[in-house]
Amino acid sequence: MIKKPRTKPLKLLKLDAILQRLVHNHMKHGELQIEFARYSAGYRGEVALDFFLHDLDENSYLIFHDLRLPRDKEKKYYFQIDCLILHSSFGILLEVKNLSGDLYFDHHFDQMKRTKNGIDETFPDPVNQVQQQKSYLDSWFTRNQLPKIPLYSLVVLTNPNLLLHYHPIMAKKQLILFELRV
């Protein structure tokens, strides 16, 4: 059962509103267009995941989309989870990426590199990101006196136009990657 439905991110709504009102020759138009495309792709990737989550037994699972929880007692810092699936005996954190091109995971330097149209870009390692979220959620459960359950983390790559290059260079981490074909 979906307990917290997915909503279009406020940042995406704001960028859309700005771009509709901004003249095309404005010096920031191109930069905002690129940012809008990046946020749109991320949102589309998360929506693509919903097709597969729909098959889960709604009486056995609780699904929370775009979950934002306090990291500390003072509620000064927060962490965000793309999707949290809770079962009575375990939880799964999903970090969704909707990237195209060639992806290279470099756990030695904690980064992910994308090559697309001959251009290289680096991103923070999503495996580390979801592992950190898992740690924060575990602490949040403890702080809120909730029962301890095993937590698992997954990086979900939703774009079928992706070539994945992965070399296991991990010492302490566990990686589970799967690709959803849409």
N, C-alpha and C. Protein backbone atom coordinates (compact mmCIF):
# COMPACT_ATOMS: atom_id res chain seq x y z
N MET A 1 0.85 -1.17 0.00
CA MET A 1 0.00 0.00 0.00
C MET A 1 0.90 1.24 0.00
N ILE A 2 0.57 2.17 -0.85
CA ILE A 2 1.34 3.41 -0.90
C ILE A 2 0.89 4.31 0.24
N LYS A 3 1.81 4.55 1.18
CA LYS A 3 1.51 5.40 2.34
C LYS A 3 1.89 6.86 2.07
N LYS A 4 2.89 7.08 1.22
CA LYS A 4 3.28 8.44 0.84
C LYS A 4 3.48 8.43 -0.68
N PRO A 5 2.51 8.98 -1.41
CA PRO A 5 2.60 8.93 -2.87
C PRO A 5 3.70 9.86 -3.41
N ARG A 6 4.11 9.56 -4.62
CA ARG A 6 5.11 10.38 -5.29
C ARG A 6 4.45 11.68 -5.76
N THR A 7 5.14 12.77 -5.55
CA THR A 7 4.67 14.06 -6.06
C THR A 7 5.78 14.69 -6.88
N LYS A 8 5.41 15.54 -7.80
CA LYS A 8 6.41 16.23 -8.61
C LYS A 8 7.22 17.13 -7.68
N PRO A 9 8.55 17.06 -7.74
CA PRO A 9 9.38 17.86 -6.84
C PRO A 9 9.15 19.37 -7.00
N LEU A 10 9.16 20.07 -5.88
CA LEU A 10 8.96 21.52 -5.89
C LEU A 10 10.00 22.22 -6.77
N LYS A 11 11.24 21.74 -6.73
CA LYS A 11 12.31 22.32 -7.55
C LYS A 11 11.95 22.22 -9.03
N LEU A 12 11.40 21.11 -9.45
CA LEU A 12 11.00 20.92 -10.84
C LEU A 12 9.85 21.86 -11.20
N LEU A 13 8.89 22.01 -10.32
CA LEU A 13 7.76 22.92 -10.55
C LEU A 13 8.25 24.37 -10.67
N LYS A 14 9.20 24.75 -9.81
CA LYS A 14 9.73 26.11 -9.84
C LYS A 14 10.50 26.37 -11.14
N LEU A 15 11.34 25.42 -11.54
CA LEU A 15 12.11 25.58 -12.78
C LEU A 15 11.17 25.69 -13.98
N ASP A 16 10.13 24.88 -13.99
CA ASP A 16 9.15 24.93 -15.08
C ASP A 16 8.48 26.30 -15.14
N ALA A 17 8.09 26.82 -13.98
CA ALA A 17 7.43 28.13 -13.93
C ALA A 17 8.37 29.24 -14.40
N ILE A 18 9.62 29.18 -13.97
CA ILE A 18 10.60 30.20 -14.38
C ILE A 18 10.83 30.14 -15.88
N LEU A 19 11.03 28.94 -16.41
CA LEU A 19 11.32 28.81 -17.84
C LEU A 19 10.15 29.26 -18.72
N GLN A 20 8.93 29.09 -18.24
CA GLN A 20 7.77 29.54 -19.01
C GLN A 20 7.69 31.06 -19.08
N ARG A 21 8.25 31.73 -18.08
CA ARG A 21 8.16 33.18 -18.01
C ARG A 21 9.42 33.90 -18.51
N LEU A 22 10.51 33.16 -18.62
CA LEU A 22 11.80 33.75 -18.97
C LEU A 22 11.94 33.84 -20.49
N VAL A 23 12.41 34.99 -20.96
CA VAL A 23 12.63 35.14 -22.41
C VAL A 23 13.77 34.21 -22.83
N HIS A 24 13.66 33.69 -24.06
CA HIS A 24 14.60 32.67 -24.52
C HIS A 24 16.03 33.18 -24.66
N ASN A 25 16.22 34.46 -24.84
CA ASN A 25 17.58 34.97 -25.00
C ASN A 25 18.18 35.47 -23.68
N HIS A 26 17.51 35.19 -22.56
CA HIS A 26 18.05 35.57 -21.26
C HIS A 26 19.34 34.78 -21.00
N MET A 27 20.32 35.41 -20.37
CA MET A 27 21.63 34.77 -20.18
C MET A 27 21.57 33.50 -19.32
N LYS A 28 20.56 33.33 -18.49
CA LYS A 28 20.43 32.16 -17.62
C LYS A 28 19.52 31.08 -18.22
N HIS A 29 18.90 31.36 -19.37
CA HIS A 29 17.93 30.42 -19.94
C HIS A 29 18.53 29.05 -20.20
N GLY A 30 19.69 28.99 -20.85
CA GLY A 30 20.32 27.71 -21.16
C GLY A 30 20.68 26.92 -19.91
N GLU A 31 21.23 27.61 -18.92
CA GLU A 31 21.61 26.97 -17.66
C GLU A 31 20.39 26.39 -16.94
N LEU A 32 19.29 27.17 -16.93
CA LEU A 32 18.06 26.70 -16.28
C LEU A 32 17.43 25.55 -17.06
N GLN A 33 17.54 25.59 -18.37
CA GLN A 33 17.00 24.52 -19.22
C GLN A 33 17.73 23.19 -18.92
N ILE A 34 19.04 23.26 -18.77
CA ILE A 34 19.83 22.06 -18.45
C ILE A 34 19.44 21.52 -17.07
N GLU A 35 19.28 22.41 -16.11
CA GLU A 35 18.89 21.99 -14.76
C GLU A 35 17.48 21.37 -14.77
N PHE A 36 16.58 21.99 -15.55
CA PHE A 36 15.22 21.46 -15.68
C PHE A 36 15.24 20.06 -16.29
N ALA A 37 16.06 19.87 -17.34
CA ALA A 37 16.16 18.56 -18.00
C ALA A 37 16.68 17.51 -17.03
N ARG A 38 17.65 17.87 -16.21
CA ARG A 38 18.23 16.93 -15.24
C ARG A 38 17.18 16.52 -14.19
N TYR A 39 16.45 17.49 -13.64
CA TYR A 39 15.43 17.18 -12.64
C TYR A 39 14.27 16.40 -13.27
N SER A 40 13.91 16.73 -14.51
CA SER A 40 12.84 16.01 -15.20
C SER A 40 13.21 14.56 -15.42
N ALA A 41 14.45 14.32 -15.83
CA ALA A 41 14.91 12.95 -16.05
C ALA A 41 14.85 12.15 -14.75
N GLY A 42 15.30 12.75 -13.67
CA GLY A 42 15.25 12.07 -12.38
C GLY A 42 13.83 11.71 -11.98
N TYR A 43 12.93 12.65 -12.17
CA TYR A 43 11.52 12.41 -11.82
C TYR A 43 10.93 11.31 -12.71
N ARG A 44 11.23 11.36 -14.02
CA ARG A 44 10.73 10.33 -14.93
C ARG A 44 11.25 8.94 -14.54
N GLY A 45 12.49 8.88 -14.08
CA GLY A 45 13.05 7.61 -13.63
C GLY A 45 12.31 7.06 -12.43
N GLU A 46 11.99 7.92 -11.50
CA GLU A 46 11.25 7.49 -10.31
C GLU A 46 9.85 7.04 -10.68
N VAL A 47 9.21 7.75 -11.61
CA VAL A 47 7.87 7.36 -12.07
C VAL A 47 7.93 6.01 -12.78
N ALA A 48 9.00 5.76 -13.55
CA ALA A 48 9.15 4.47 -14.24
C ALA A 48 9.20 3.32 -13.24
N LEU A 49 9.78 3.55 -12.09
CA LEU A 49 9.88 2.53 -11.05
C LEU A 49 8.49 2.13 -10.55
N ASP A 50 7.56 3.07 -10.53
CA ASP A 50 6.22 2.81 -10.00
C ASP A 50 5.52 1.65 -10.71
N PHE A 51 5.80 1.48 -12.00
CA PHE A 51 5.20 0.39 -12.78
C PHE A 51 5.51 -0.95 -12.12
N PHE A 52 6.76 -1.13 -11.66
CA PHE A 52 7.18 -2.39 -11.06
C PHE A 52 6.72 -2.52 -9.61
N LEU A 53 6.67 -1.41 -8.91
CA LEU A 53 6.22 -1.46 -7.51
C LEU A 53 4.74 -1.79 -7.41
N HIS A 54 4.01 -1.50 -8.46
CA HIS A 54 2.57 -1.76 -8.48
C HIS A 54 2.25 -3.25 -8.29
N ASP A 55 3.20 -4.13 -8.65
CA ASP A 55 2.99 -5.57 -8.53
C ASP A 55 3.16 -6.11 -7.12
N LEU A 56 3.67 -5.30 -6.21
CA LEU A 56 3.83 -5.76 -4.83
C LEU A 56 2.47 -5.93 -4.16
N ASP A 57 2.37 -6.92 -3.30
CA ASP A 57 1.13 -7.16 -2.56
C ASP A 57 0.89 -5.98 -1.61
N GLU A 58 -0.16 -5.25 -1.85
CA GLU A 58 -0.42 -4.04 -1.05
C GLU A 58 -0.76 -4.33 0.40
N ASN A 59 -1.08 -5.57 0.72
CA ASN A 59 -1.35 -5.92 2.11
C ASN A 59 -0.08 -6.29 2.87
N SER A 60 1.03 -6.49 2.15
CA SER A 60 2.28 -6.90 2.78
C SER A 60 3.34 -5.81 2.83
N TYR A 61 3.19 -4.79 2.01
CA TYR A 61 4.23 -3.78 1.90
C TYR A 61 3.66 -2.38 2.05
N LEU A 62 4.45 -1.52 2.68
CA LEU A 62 4.15 -0.10 2.75
C LEU A 62 5.19 0.61 1.90
N ILE A 63 4.76 1.52 1.05
CA ILE A 63 5.67 2.23 0.15
C ILE A 63 5.61 3.71 0.45
N PHE A 64 6.79 4.29 0.64
CA PHE A 64 6.93 5.72 0.91
C PHE A 64 7.82 6.32 -0.17
N HIS A 65 7.28 7.22 -0.96
CA HIS A 65 8.06 7.90 -2.00
C HIS A 65 8.57 9.24 -1.46
N ASP A 66 9.75 9.63 -1.92
CA ASP A 66 10.32 10.94 -1.59
C ASP A 66 10.23 11.23 -0.09
N LEU A 67 10.78 10.35 0.68
CA LEU A 67 10.71 10.47 2.13
C LEU A 67 11.83 11.37 2.64
N ARG A 68 11.47 12.38 3.41
CA ARG A 68 12.44 13.31 3.99
C ARG A 68 12.29 13.25 5.50
N LEU A 69 13.37 12.81 6.17
CA LEU A 69 13.32 12.60 7.62
C LEU A 69 14.46 13.37 8.30
N PRO A 70 14.24 13.78 9.56
CA PRO A 70 15.32 14.47 10.28
C PRO A 70 16.46 13.52 10.62
N ARG A 71 17.66 14.02 10.45
CA ARG A 71 18.87 13.24 10.73
C ARG A 71 19.28 13.34 12.20
N ASP A 72 18.80 14.38 12.88
CA ASP A 72 19.20 14.63 14.26
C ASP A 72 17.98 15.00 15.11
N LYS A 73 18.15 14.96 16.43
CA LYS A 73 17.05 15.27 17.35
C LYS A 73 16.54 16.69 17.19
N GLU A 74 17.44 17.62 16.90
CA GLU A 74 17.09 19.03 16.80
C GLU A 74 16.39 19.37 15.48
N LYS A 75 16.32 18.41 14.57
CA LYS A 75 15.71 18.59 13.26
C LYS A 75 16.38 19.71 12.48
N LYS A 76 17.70 19.76 12.60
CA LYS A 76 18.49 20.77 11.89
C LYS A 76 18.93 20.23 10.52
N TYR A 77 19.17 18.93 10.45
CA TYR A 77 19.62 18.28 9.22
C TYR A 77 18.65 17.17 8.83
N TYR A 78 18.47 16.99 7.54
CA TYR A 78 17.54 16.00 7.02
C TYR A 78 18.23 15.09 6.01
N PHE A 79 17.63 13.94 5.78
CA PHE A 79 18.07 13.07 4.69
C PHE A 79 16.85 12.68 3.88
N GLN A 80 17.08 12.32 2.63
CA GLN A 80 15.99 12.04 1.71
C GLN A 80 16.18 10.65 1.10
N ILE A 81 15.09 9.91 1.01
CA ILE A 81 15.09 8.58 0.41
C ILE A 81 14.14 8.61 -0.78
N ASP A 82 14.61 8.19 -1.96
CA ASP A 82 13.75 8.19 -3.14
C ASP A 82 12.53 7.30 -2.92
N CYS A 83 12.76 6.09 -2.42
CA CYS A 83 11.65 5.17 -2.17
C CYS A 83 12.04 4.23 -1.03
N LEU A 84 11.14 4.08 -0.07
CA LEU A 84 11.32 3.15 1.03
C LEU A 84 10.18 2.15 0.98
N ILE A 85 10.55 0.87 0.95
CA ILE A 85 9.56 -0.21 0.96
C ILE A 85 9.71 -0.93 2.30
N LEU A 86 8.63 -0.95 3.06
CA LEU A 86 8.66 -1.62 4.36
C LEU A 86 7.78 -2.86 4.35
N HIS A 87 8.33 -3.91 4.88
CA HIS A 87 7.64 -5.17 5.10
C HIS A 87 7.70 -5.38 6.61
N SER A 88 6.91 -6.27 7.16
CA SER A 88 6.95 -6.49 8.60
C SER A 88 8.30 -7.00 9.09
N SER A 89 9.09 -7.61 8.20
CA SER A 89 10.36 -8.18 8.65
C SER A 89 11.60 -7.56 8.02
N PHE A 90 11.46 -6.58 7.13
CA PHE A 90 12.62 -5.93 6.53
C PHE A 90 12.20 -4.63 5.84
N GLY A 91 13.19 -3.83 5.48
CA GLY A 91 12.96 -2.60 4.72
C GLY A 91 13.96 -2.51 3.58
N ILE A 92 13.55 -1.90 2.47
CA ILE A 92 14.42 -1.71 1.32
C ILE A 92 14.43 -0.23 0.95
N LEU A 93 15.62 0.35 0.90
CA LEU A 93 15.79 1.73 0.45
C LEU A 93 16.20 1.69 -1.01
N LEU A 94 15.53 2.45 -1.85
CA LEU A 94 15.85 2.51 -3.27
C LEU A 94 16.36 3.91 -3.62
N GLU A 95 17.50 3.96 -4.25
CA GLU A 95 18.05 5.20 -4.80
C GLU A 95 17.90 5.05 -6.31
N VAL A 96 17.09 5.90 -6.92
CA VAL A 96 16.75 5.77 -8.33
C VAL A 96 17.59 6.73 -9.16
N LYS A 97 18.20 6.19 -10.21
CA LYS A 97 18.98 7.00 -11.15
C LYS A 97 18.45 6.74 -12.55
N ASN A 98 18.22 7.81 -13.30
CA ASN A 98 17.73 7.71 -14.66
C ASN A 98 18.76 8.38 -15.57
N LEU A 99 19.88 7.71 -15.76
CA LEU A 99 20.97 8.27 -16.55
C LEU A 99 21.14 7.46 -17.82
N SER A 100 21.54 8.12 -18.90
CA SER A 100 21.87 7.41 -20.13
C SER A 100 23.36 7.56 -20.40
N GLY A 101 23.84 6.81 -21.37
CA GLY A 101 25.26 6.84 -21.69
C GLY A 101 25.96 5.65 -21.08
N ASP A 102 27.27 5.77 -20.91
CA ASP A 102 28.08 4.73 -20.28
C ASP A 102 28.37 5.14 -18.85
N LEU A 103 28.04 4.27 -17.90
CA LEU A 103 28.29 4.55 -16.48
C LEU A 103 29.41 3.67 -15.97
N TYR A 104 30.34 4.29 -15.25
CA TYR A 104 31.46 3.59 -14.63
C TYR A 104 31.40 3.87 -13.14
N PHE A 105 31.37 2.81 -12.34
CA PHE A 105 31.38 2.97 -10.89
C PHE A 105 32.80 2.79 -10.40
N ASP A 106 33.29 3.79 -9.69
CA ASP A 106 34.65 3.76 -9.15
C ASP A 106 34.54 3.90 -7.64
N HIS A 107 34.47 2.76 -6.95
CA HIS A 107 34.29 2.79 -5.50
C HIS A 107 35.57 3.16 -4.77
N HIS A 108 36.68 3.05 -5.48
CA HIS A 108 37.96 3.45 -4.88
C HIS A 108 37.97 4.96 -4.62
N PHE A 109 37.40 5.73 -5.55
CA PHE A 109 37.35 7.18 -5.41
C PHE A 109 35.95 7.69 -5.06
N ASP A 110 35.05 6.76 -4.72
CA ASP A 110 33.68 7.13 -4.32
C ASP A 110 32.99 8.02 -5.34
N GLN A 111 33.04 7.60 -6.59
CA GLN A 111 32.36 8.39 -7.61
C GLN A 111 31.83 7.49 -8.72
N MET A 112 30.96 8.09 -9.50
CA MET A 112 30.41 7.44 -10.67
C MET A 112 30.71 8.36 -11.84
N LYS A 113 31.19 7.81 -12.93
CA LYS A 113 31.50 8.61 -14.10
C LYS A 113 30.55 8.23 -15.22
N ARG A 114 30.05 9.26 -15.90
CA ARG A 114 29.20 9.01 -17.06
C ARG A 114 29.89 9.58 -18.29
N THR A 115 29.91 8.78 -19.34
CA THR A 115 30.38 9.24 -20.64
C THR A 115 29.18 9.23 -21.57
N LYS A 116 28.88 10.39 -22.10
CA LYS A 116 27.73 10.51 -23.00
C LYS A 116 28.10 11.51 -24.09
N ASN A 117 27.94 11.09 -25.33
CA ASN A 117 28.28 11.93 -26.48
C ASN A 117 29.70 12.47 -26.38
N GLY A 118 30.61 11.65 -25.90
CA GLY A 118 32.02 12.03 -25.81
C GLY A 118 32.36 12.95 -24.65
N ILE A 119 31.39 13.23 -23.80
CA ILE A 119 31.60 14.13 -22.66
C ILE A 119 31.58 13.31 -21.38
N ASP A 120 32.60 13.50 -20.54
CA ASP A 120 32.68 12.81 -19.25
C ASP A 120 32.15 13.72 -18.15
N GLU A 121 31.35 13.15 -17.26
CA GLU A 121 30.85 13.84 -16.07
C GLU A 121 31.04 12.92 -14.89
N THR A 122 31.30 13.49 -13.72
CA THR A 122 31.38 12.68 -12.51
C THR A 122 30.24 13.06 -11.58
N PHE A 123 29.80 12.07 -10.83
CA PHE A 123 28.72 12.22 -9.87
C PHE A 123 29.14 11.52 -8.58
N PRO A 124 28.53 11.90 -7.46
CA PRO A 124 28.80 11.13 -6.23
C PRO A 124 28.34 9.68 -6.43
N ASP A 125 29.01 8.77 -5.78
CA ASP A 125 28.69 7.36 -5.90
C ASP A 125 27.31 7.09 -5.28
N PRO A 126 26.32 6.66 -6.08
CA PRO A 126 24.98 6.42 -5.52
C PRO A 126 24.95 5.25 -4.55
N VAL A 127 25.91 4.33 -4.66
CA VAL A 127 25.97 3.21 -3.71
C VAL A 127 26.31 3.77 -2.33
N ASN A 128 27.30 4.65 -2.26
CA ASN A 128 27.63 5.28 -0.98
C ASN A 128 26.46 6.11 -0.46
N GLN A 129 25.79 6.79 -1.38
CA GLN A 129 24.65 7.64 -1.01
C GLN A 129 23.56 6.81 -0.33
N VAL A 130 23.16 5.70 -0.93
CA VAL A 130 22.08 4.89 -0.37
C VAL A 130 22.54 4.17 0.91
N GLN A 131 23.84 3.85 1.00
CA GLN A 131 24.36 3.25 2.24
C GLN A 131 24.29 4.26 3.39
N GLN A 132 24.60 5.51 3.08
CA GLN A 132 24.52 6.57 4.10
C GLN A 132 23.07 6.77 4.53
N GLN A 133 22.15 6.77 3.58
CA GLN A 133 20.73 6.90 3.90
C GLN A 133 20.27 5.76 4.79
N LYS A 134 20.76 4.56 4.50
CA LYS A 134 20.42 3.38 5.30
C LYS A 134 20.89 3.57 6.75
N SER A 135 22.09 4.09 6.91
CA SER A 135 22.63 4.36 8.24
C SER A 135 21.78 5.40 8.98
N TYR A 136 21.42 6.47 8.27
CA TYR A 136 20.57 7.50 8.88
C TYR A 136 19.20 6.94 9.26
N LEU A 137 18.63 6.09 8.41
CA LEU A 137 17.31 5.51 8.71
C LEU A 137 17.39 4.59 9.92
N ASP A 138 18.45 3.81 9.99
CA ASP A 138 18.64 2.93 11.14
C ASP A 138 18.71 3.75 12.43
N SER A 139 19.44 4.85 12.41
CA SER A 139 19.52 5.75 13.58
C SER A 139 18.17 6.38 13.88
N TRP A 140 17.43 6.73 12.83
CA TRP A 140 16.10 7.33 13.00
C TRP A 140 15.16 6.34 13.69
N PHE A 141 15.21 5.07 13.27
CA PHE A 141 14.41 4.03 13.92
C PHE A 141 14.75 3.95 15.41
N THR A 142 16.02 3.94 15.73
CA THR A 142 16.47 3.86 17.12
C THR A 142 15.99 5.07 17.92
N ARG A 143 16.20 6.27 17.37
CA ARG A 143 15.81 7.50 18.04
C ARG A 143 14.31 7.55 18.32
N ASN A 144 13.53 6.97 17.41
CA ASN A 144 12.07 6.99 17.55
C ASN A 144 11.52 5.71 18.18
N GLN A 145 12.41 4.92 18.78
CA GLN A 145 12.07 3.70 19.50
C GLN A 145 11.20 2.74 18.67
N LEU A 146 11.59 2.61 17.41
CA LEU A 146 10.91 1.68 16.51
C LEU A 146 11.70 0.37 16.49
N PRO A 147 11.02 -0.73 16.23
CA PRO A 147 11.73 -2.02 16.22
C PRO A 147 12.80 -2.06 15.14
N LYS A 148 13.90 -2.71 15.48
CA LYS A 148 14.99 -2.89 14.51
C LYS A 148 14.58 -3.97 13.51
N ILE A 149 14.72 -3.66 12.24
CA ILE A 149 14.50 -4.65 11.18
C ILE A 149 15.69 -4.57 10.24
N PRO A 150 15.97 -5.65 9.54
CA PRO A 150 17.06 -5.60 8.57
C PRO A 150 16.72 -4.58 7.46
N LEU A 151 17.69 -3.76 7.14
CA LEU A 151 17.52 -2.79 6.07
C LEU A 151 18.45 -3.14 4.91
N TYR A 152 17.91 -3.10 3.71
CA TYR A 152 18.69 -3.37 2.51
C TYR A 152 18.64 -2.13 1.62
N SER A 153 19.69 -1.94 0.85
CA SER A 153 19.72 -0.77 -0.03
C SER A 153 20.00 -1.20 -1.46
N LEU A 154 19.34 -0.54 -2.38
CA LEU A 154 19.49 -0.83 -3.80
C LEU A 154 19.65 0.47 -4.58
N VAL A 155 20.50 0.42 -5.58
CA VAL A 155 20.56 1.49 -6.57
C VAL A 155 19.80 0.97 -7.78
N VAL A 156 18.80 1.70 -8.20
CA VAL A 156 17.97 1.28 -9.32
C VAL A 156 18.27 2.18 -10.52
N LEU A 157 18.69 1.54 -11.62
CA LEU A 157 18.98 2.27 -12.85
C LEU A 157 17.80 2.03 -13.79
N THR A 158 17.04 3.07 -14.08
CA THR A 158 15.78 2.90 -14.80
C THR A 158 15.88 3.14 -16.30
N ASN A 159 16.99 3.69 -16.77
CA ASN A 159 17.09 4.02 -18.19
C ASN A 159 17.59 2.82 -18.98
N PRO A 160 16.82 2.35 -19.95
CA PRO A 160 17.27 1.20 -20.75
C PRO A 160 18.41 1.56 -21.72
N ASN A 161 18.65 2.85 -21.96
CA ASN A 161 19.72 3.30 -22.85
C ASN A 161 21.00 3.56 -22.05
N LEU A 162 21.43 2.56 -21.34
CA LEU A 162 22.54 2.69 -20.42
C LEU A 162 23.47 1.51 -20.60
N LEU A 163 24.74 1.79 -20.64
CA LEU A 163 25.74 0.72 -20.65
C LEU A 163 26.49 0.82 -19.34
N LEU A 164 26.41 -0.24 -18.56
CA LEU A 164 26.95 -0.23 -17.21
C LEU A 164 28.30 -0.93 -17.18
N HIS A 165 29.28 -0.24 -16.61
CA HIS A 165 30.61 -0.81 -16.40
C HIS A 165 30.85 -0.82 -14.89
N TYR A 166 31.04 -2.00 -14.37
CA TYR A 166 31.22 -2.11 -12.92
C TYR A 166 32.41 -3.00 -12.64
N HIS A 167 33.31 -2.50 -11.85
CA HIS A 167 34.47 -3.28 -11.42
C HIS A 167 34.45 -3.34 -9.91
N PRO A 168 34.26 -4.53 -9.33
CA PRO A 168 34.16 -4.61 -7.86
C PRO A 168 35.48 -4.31 -7.17
N ILE A 169 35.58 -3.07 -6.67
CA ILE A 169 36.78 -2.64 -5.95
C ILE A 169 36.37 -2.27 -4.54
N MET A 170 35.48 -3.05 -3.93
CA MET A 170 34.95 -2.67 -2.63
C MET A 170 35.60 -3.49 -1.54
N ALA A 171 35.85 -2.83 -0.45
CA ALA A 171 36.42 -3.53 0.69
C ALA A 171 35.32 -3.89 1.68
N LYS A 172 34.52 -2.88 2.10
CA LYS A 172 33.55 -3.10 3.16
C LYS A 172 32.11 -2.98 2.69
N LYS A 173 31.90 -2.51 1.49
CA LYS A 173 30.54 -2.21 1.05
C LYS A 173 29.92 -3.40 0.34
N GLN A 174 28.61 -3.36 0.29
CA GLN A 174 27.88 -4.37 -0.45
C GLN A 174 27.08 -3.64 -1.50
N LEU A 175 27.13 -4.11 -2.72
CA LEU A 175 26.45 -3.44 -3.82
C LEU A 175 25.43 -4.37 -4.42
N ILE A 176 24.26 -3.86 -4.60
CA ILE A 176 23.24 -4.59 -5.33
C ILE A 176 22.73 -3.63 -6.38
N LEU A 177 22.92 -3.97 -7.62
CA LEU A 177 22.47 -3.14 -8.73
C LEU A 177 21.53 -3.97 -9.58
N PHE A 178 20.45 -3.36 -10.00
CA PHE A 178 19.66 -4.03 -11.00
C PHE A 178 19.09 -2.98 -11.92
N GLU A 179 18.77 -3.38 -13.11
CA GLU A 179 18.27 -2.45 -14.11
C GLU A 179 16.83 -2.80 -14.41
N LEU A 180 15.97 -1.82 -14.41
CA LEU A 180 14.57 -2.03 -14.78
C LEU A 180 14.42 -1.68 -16.24
N ARG A 181 13.88 -2.56 -17.00
CA ARG A 181 13.62 -2.29 -18.42
C ARG A 181 12.22 -1.72 -18.54
N VAL A 182 12.12 -0.54 -19.10
CA VAL A 182 10.81 0.07 -19.29
C VAL A 182 10.55 0.31 -20.75
